[in-house]
Amino acid sequence: MADPAKAMTRARSRNNLTLMLLPPRSPELNPQENIWRSLRQRFLSNRIFDNYDAILEAFCDAWNRLIDDPQRITSIGSGQWILTGQT
């Protein structure tokens, strides 16, 4: 098993990569957190579920509705800070 930090250092040096580290405690900068927030706001908020199966069914329905709309995913996951330097 390789040390992940050393493996990343080697990969960065071989591929001329620059890491953009996120500041701690900043979920608004993490695209996956924004996706989760959107799911909660659009499909899962203000509901009472009868049981665990109802929660799973609602989440699966919300997830399927989200992945049927790739433009929404791109919009949610693309903050201005991500697009900086993109052409």
N, C-alpha and C. Protein backbone atom coordinates (compact mmCIF):
# COMPACT_ATOMS: atom_id res chain seq x y z
N MET A 1 0.85 -1.18 0.00
CA MET A 1 0.00 0.00 0.00
C MET A 1 0.89 1.24 0.00
N ALA A 2 0.60 2.15 -0.88
CA ALA A 2 1.41 3.35 -1.02
C ALA A 2 0.90 4.46 -0.12
N ASP A 3 1.80 5.33 0.26
CA ASP A 3 1.44 6.52 1.02
C ASP A 3 0.74 7.49 0.07
N PRO A 4 -0.55 7.82 0.31
CA PRO A 4 -1.28 8.69 -0.62
C PRO A 4 -0.64 10.05 -0.81
N ALA A 5 -0.06 10.62 0.25
CA ALA A 5 0.57 11.94 0.13
C ALA A 5 1.77 11.88 -0.81
N LYS A 6 2.59 10.83 -0.66
CA LYS A 6 3.75 10.69 -1.55
C LYS A 6 3.31 10.43 -2.99
N ALA A 7 2.27 9.61 -3.15
CA ALA A 7 1.76 9.32 -4.49
C ALA A 7 1.25 10.60 -5.15
N MET A 8 0.55 11.45 -4.39
CA MET A 8 0.06 12.72 -4.94
C MET A 8 1.21 13.63 -5.32
N THR A 9 2.24 13.67 -4.48
CA THR A 9 3.40 14.51 -4.77
C THR A 9 4.06 14.07 -6.07
N ARG A 10 4.22 12.76 -6.24
CA ARG A 10 4.82 12.25 -7.49
C ARG A 10 3.93 12.57 -8.68
N ALA A 11 2.63 12.37 -8.56
CA ALA A 11 1.71 12.63 -9.68
C ALA A 11 1.74 14.12 -10.04
N ARG A 12 1.78 14.98 -9.04
CA ARG A 12 1.81 16.42 -9.31
C ARG A 12 3.09 16.80 -10.05
N SER A 13 4.21 16.24 -9.63
CA SER A 13 5.47 16.62 -10.25
C SER A 13 5.56 16.07 -11.68
N ARG A 14 5.04 14.87 -11.91
CA ARG A 14 5.09 14.28 -13.25
C ARG A 14 4.15 15.00 -14.22
N ASN A 15 3.02 15.46 -13.75
CA ASN A 15 2.00 16.02 -14.63
C ASN A 15 1.86 17.53 -14.53
N ASN A 16 2.77 18.18 -13.79
CA ASN A 16 2.73 19.61 -13.63
C ASN A 16 1.36 20.08 -13.14
N LEU A 17 0.85 19.44 -12.10
CA LEU A 17 -0.45 19.77 -11.52
C LEU A 17 -0.28 20.73 -10.36
N THR A 18 -1.25 21.60 -10.20
CA THR A 18 -1.29 22.48 -9.05
C THR A 18 -2.56 22.18 -8.28
N LEU A 19 -2.42 21.86 -7.00
CA LEU A 19 -3.58 21.59 -6.17
C LEU A 19 -4.17 22.90 -5.66
N MET A 20 -5.49 22.97 -5.67
CA MET A 20 -6.19 24.09 -5.05
C MET A 20 -6.84 23.54 -3.79
N LEU A 21 -6.23 23.79 -2.65
CA LEU A 21 -6.76 23.28 -1.40
C LEU A 21 -7.90 24.15 -0.92
N LEU A 22 -8.97 23.50 -0.48
CA LEU A 22 -10.11 24.22 0.05
C LEU A 22 -9.84 24.60 1.49
N PRO A 23 -10.29 25.79 1.89
CA PRO A 23 -10.12 26.14 3.30
C PRO A 23 -10.97 25.23 4.18
N PRO A 24 -10.55 25.00 5.41
CA PRO A 24 -11.34 24.16 6.30
C PRO A 24 -12.70 24.80 6.60
N ARG A 25 -13.66 23.96 6.87
CA ARG A 25 -15.01 24.39 7.24
C ARG A 25 -15.63 25.31 6.19
N SER A 26 -15.54 24.92 4.92
CA SER A 26 -16.12 25.73 3.85
C SER A 26 -16.89 24.83 2.87
N PRO A 27 -17.99 24.23 3.35
CA PRO A 27 -18.73 23.31 2.48
C PRO A 27 -19.31 23.98 1.24
N GLU A 28 -19.50 25.30 1.28
CA GLU A 28 -20.06 25.99 0.11
C GLU A 28 -19.10 25.95 -1.08
N LEU A 29 -17.83 25.65 -0.83
CA LEU A 29 -16.85 25.57 -1.91
C LEU A 29 -16.71 24.15 -2.46
N ASN A 30 -17.38 23.20 -1.85
CA ASN A 30 -17.26 21.80 -2.24
C ASN A 30 -18.46 21.44 -3.13
N PRO A 31 -18.24 21.17 -4.42
CA PRO A 31 -19.36 20.91 -5.33
C PRO A 31 -20.29 19.79 -4.86
N GLN A 32 -19.77 18.75 -4.24
CA GLN A 32 -20.66 17.67 -3.82
C GLN A 32 -21.57 18.12 -2.68
N GLU A 33 -21.10 19.04 -1.85
CA GLU A 33 -21.97 19.59 -0.80
C GLU A 33 -23.10 20.40 -1.42
N ASN A 34 -22.78 21.11 -2.49
CA ASN A 34 -23.82 21.90 -3.17
C ASN A 34 -24.86 20.99 -3.82
N ILE A 35 -24.44 19.86 -4.35
CA ILE A 35 -25.38 18.90 -4.93
C ILE A 35 -26.30 18.37 -3.83
N TRP A 36 -25.72 17.99 -2.70
CA TRP A 36 -26.51 17.47 -1.58
C TRP A 36 -27.50 18.54 -1.09
N ARG A 37 -27.05 19.78 -0.98
CA ARG A 37 -27.93 20.87 -0.54
C ARG A 37 -29.10 21.03 -1.51
N SER A 38 -28.82 20.95 -2.79
CA SER A 38 -29.89 21.07 -3.79
C SER A 38 -30.89 19.93 -3.66
N LEU A 39 -30.41 18.71 -3.47
CA LEU A 39 -31.32 17.57 -3.29
C LEU A 39 -32.23 17.79 -2.09
N ARG A 40 -31.64 18.22 -0.99
CA ARG A 40 -32.45 18.45 0.22
C ARG A 40 -33.48 19.54 -0.02
N GLN A 41 -33.07 20.65 -0.62
CA GLN A 41 -33.98 21.78 -0.80
C GLN A 41 -35.09 21.47 -1.80
N ARG A 42 -34.75 20.84 -2.91
CA ARG A 42 -35.73 20.64 -3.97
C ARG A 42 -36.64 19.44 -3.76
N PHE A 43 -36.13 18.39 -3.15
CA PHE A 43 -36.89 17.14 -3.13
C PHE A 43 -37.16 16.57 -1.74
N LEU A 44 -36.35 16.87 -0.76
CA LEU A 44 -36.43 16.14 0.50
C LEU A 44 -36.82 16.98 1.71
N SER A 45 -36.98 18.28 1.53
CA SER A 45 -37.28 19.12 2.70
C SER A 45 -38.76 19.12 3.03
N ASN A 46 -39.04 19.47 4.29
CA ASN A 46 -40.41 19.61 4.78
C ASN A 46 -41.25 18.36 4.57
N ARG A 47 -40.67 17.22 4.83
CA ARG A 47 -41.39 15.96 4.68
C ARG A 47 -41.20 15.12 5.93
N ILE A 48 -42.19 14.34 6.22
CA ILE A 48 -42.11 13.37 7.30
C ILE A 48 -42.21 11.99 6.65
N PHE A 49 -41.27 11.15 6.97
CA PHE A 49 -41.23 9.82 6.38
C PHE A 49 -41.75 8.80 7.39
N ASP A 50 -42.53 7.85 6.89
CA ASP A 50 -43.12 6.84 7.77
C ASP A 50 -42.10 5.84 8.29
N ASN A 51 -41.09 5.55 7.46
CA ASN A 51 -40.11 4.55 7.87
C ASN A 51 -38.85 4.71 7.01
N TYR A 52 -37.89 3.87 7.28
CA TYR A 52 -36.60 3.92 6.58
C TYR A 52 -36.77 3.68 5.08
N ASP A 53 -37.63 2.74 4.71
CA ASP A 53 -37.86 2.45 3.29
C ASP A 53 -38.42 3.66 2.55
N ALA A 54 -39.26 4.43 3.22
CA ALA A 54 -39.81 5.64 2.60
C ALA A 54 -38.71 6.68 2.37
N ILE A 55 -37.76 6.76 3.31
CA ILE A 55 -36.62 7.67 3.14
C ILE A 55 -35.80 7.25 1.93
N LEU A 56 -35.48 5.95 1.86
CA LEU A 56 -34.70 5.45 0.72
C LEU A 56 -35.41 5.68 -0.60
N GLU A 57 -36.69 5.43 -0.63
CA GLU A 57 -37.46 5.63 -1.87
C GLU A 57 -37.45 7.11 -2.28
N ALA A 58 -37.65 8.00 -1.32
CA ALA A 58 -37.65 9.44 -1.63
C ALA A 58 -36.27 9.88 -2.11
N PHE A 59 -35.22 9.40 -1.45
CA PHE A 59 -33.88 9.78 -1.87
C PHE A 59 -33.56 9.26 -3.27
N CYS A 60 -33.89 7.99 -3.53
CA CYS A 60 -33.63 7.42 -4.86
C CYS A 60 -34.39 8.17 -5.94
N ASP A 61 -35.63 8.54 -5.65
CA ASP A 61 -36.42 9.32 -6.61
C ASP A 61 -35.76 10.68 -6.84
N ALA A 62 -35.35 11.34 -5.77
CA ALA A 62 -34.69 12.65 -5.89
C ALA A 62 -33.40 12.53 -6.69
N TRP A 63 -32.61 11.51 -6.40
CA TRP A 63 -31.34 11.30 -7.11
C TRP A 63 -31.59 11.06 -8.59
N ASN A 64 -32.56 10.21 -8.92
CA ASN A 64 -32.86 9.91 -10.33
C ASN A 64 -33.36 11.15 -11.06
N ARG A 65 -34.14 11.97 -10.39
CA ARG A 65 -34.61 13.20 -11.02
C ARG A 65 -33.45 14.16 -11.25
N LEU A 66 -32.51 14.20 -10.33
CA LEU A 66 -31.35 15.07 -10.49
C LEU A 66 -30.46 14.60 -11.64
N ILE A 67 -30.16 13.32 -11.70
CA ILE A 67 -29.24 12.85 -12.75
C ILE A 67 -29.89 12.88 -14.14
N ASP A 68 -31.21 13.02 -14.20
CA ASP A 68 -31.87 13.19 -15.49
C ASP A 68 -31.70 14.61 -16.03
N ASP A 69 -31.10 15.48 -15.24
CA ASP A 69 -30.92 16.88 -15.64
C ASP A 69 -29.45 17.27 -15.50
N PRO A 70 -28.59 16.83 -16.44
CA PRO A 70 -27.15 17.10 -16.31
C PRO A 70 -26.80 18.59 -16.28
N GLN A 71 -27.60 19.41 -16.94
CA GLN A 71 -27.31 20.85 -16.91
C GLN A 71 -27.46 21.41 -15.50
N ARG A 72 -28.42 20.89 -14.76
CA ARG A 72 -28.59 21.35 -13.38
C ARG A 72 -27.37 20.94 -12.54
N ILE A 73 -26.88 19.73 -12.75
CA ILE A 73 -25.70 19.28 -12.00
C ILE A 73 -24.51 20.18 -12.31
N THR A 74 -24.33 20.50 -13.58
CA THR A 74 -23.23 21.38 -13.97
C THR A 74 -23.40 22.75 -13.33
N SER A 75 -24.61 23.26 -13.34
CA SER A 75 -24.88 24.57 -12.75
C SER A 75 -24.62 24.57 -11.25
N ILE A 76 -25.08 23.55 -10.56
CA ILE A 76 -24.90 23.47 -9.11
C ILE A 76 -23.43 23.33 -8.76
N GLY A 77 -22.70 22.52 -9.52
CA GLY A 77 -21.31 22.22 -9.20
C GLY A 77 -20.31 23.21 -9.72
N SER A 78 -20.76 24.24 -10.42
CA SER A 78 -19.83 25.20 -11.02
C SER A 78 -19.94 26.55 -10.35
N GLY A 79 -19.18 26.73 -9.30
CA GLY A 79 -19.10 28.04 -8.68
C GLY A 79 -18.12 28.91 -9.45
N GLN A 80 -18.21 30.20 -9.27
CA GLN A 80 -17.32 31.11 -9.97
C GLN A 80 -15.85 30.80 -9.66
N TRP A 81 -15.56 30.40 -8.42
CA TRP A 81 -14.18 30.09 -8.05
C TRP A 81 -13.66 28.89 -8.82
N ILE A 82 -14.53 27.98 -9.23
CA ILE A 82 -14.11 26.80 -10.00
C ILE A 82 -13.76 27.21 -11.43
N LEU A 83 -14.53 28.13 -11.97
CA LEU A 83 -14.38 28.52 -13.38
C LEU A 83 -13.23 29.49 -13.60
N THR A 84 -12.67 30.04 -12.54
CA THR A 84 -11.56 30.97 -12.70
C THR A 84 -10.40 30.28 -13.40
N GLY A 85 -9.93 30.90 -14.46
CA GLY A 85 -8.82 30.34 -15.21
C GLY A 85 -9.24 29.35 -16.28
N GLN A 86 -10.51 29.03 -16.38
CA GLN A 86 -11.00 28.14 -17.42
C GLN A 86 -11.20 28.92 -18.70
N THR A 87 -10.96 28.28 -19.83
CA THR A 87 -11.20 28.95 -21.12
C THR A 87 -12.28 28.26 -21.88
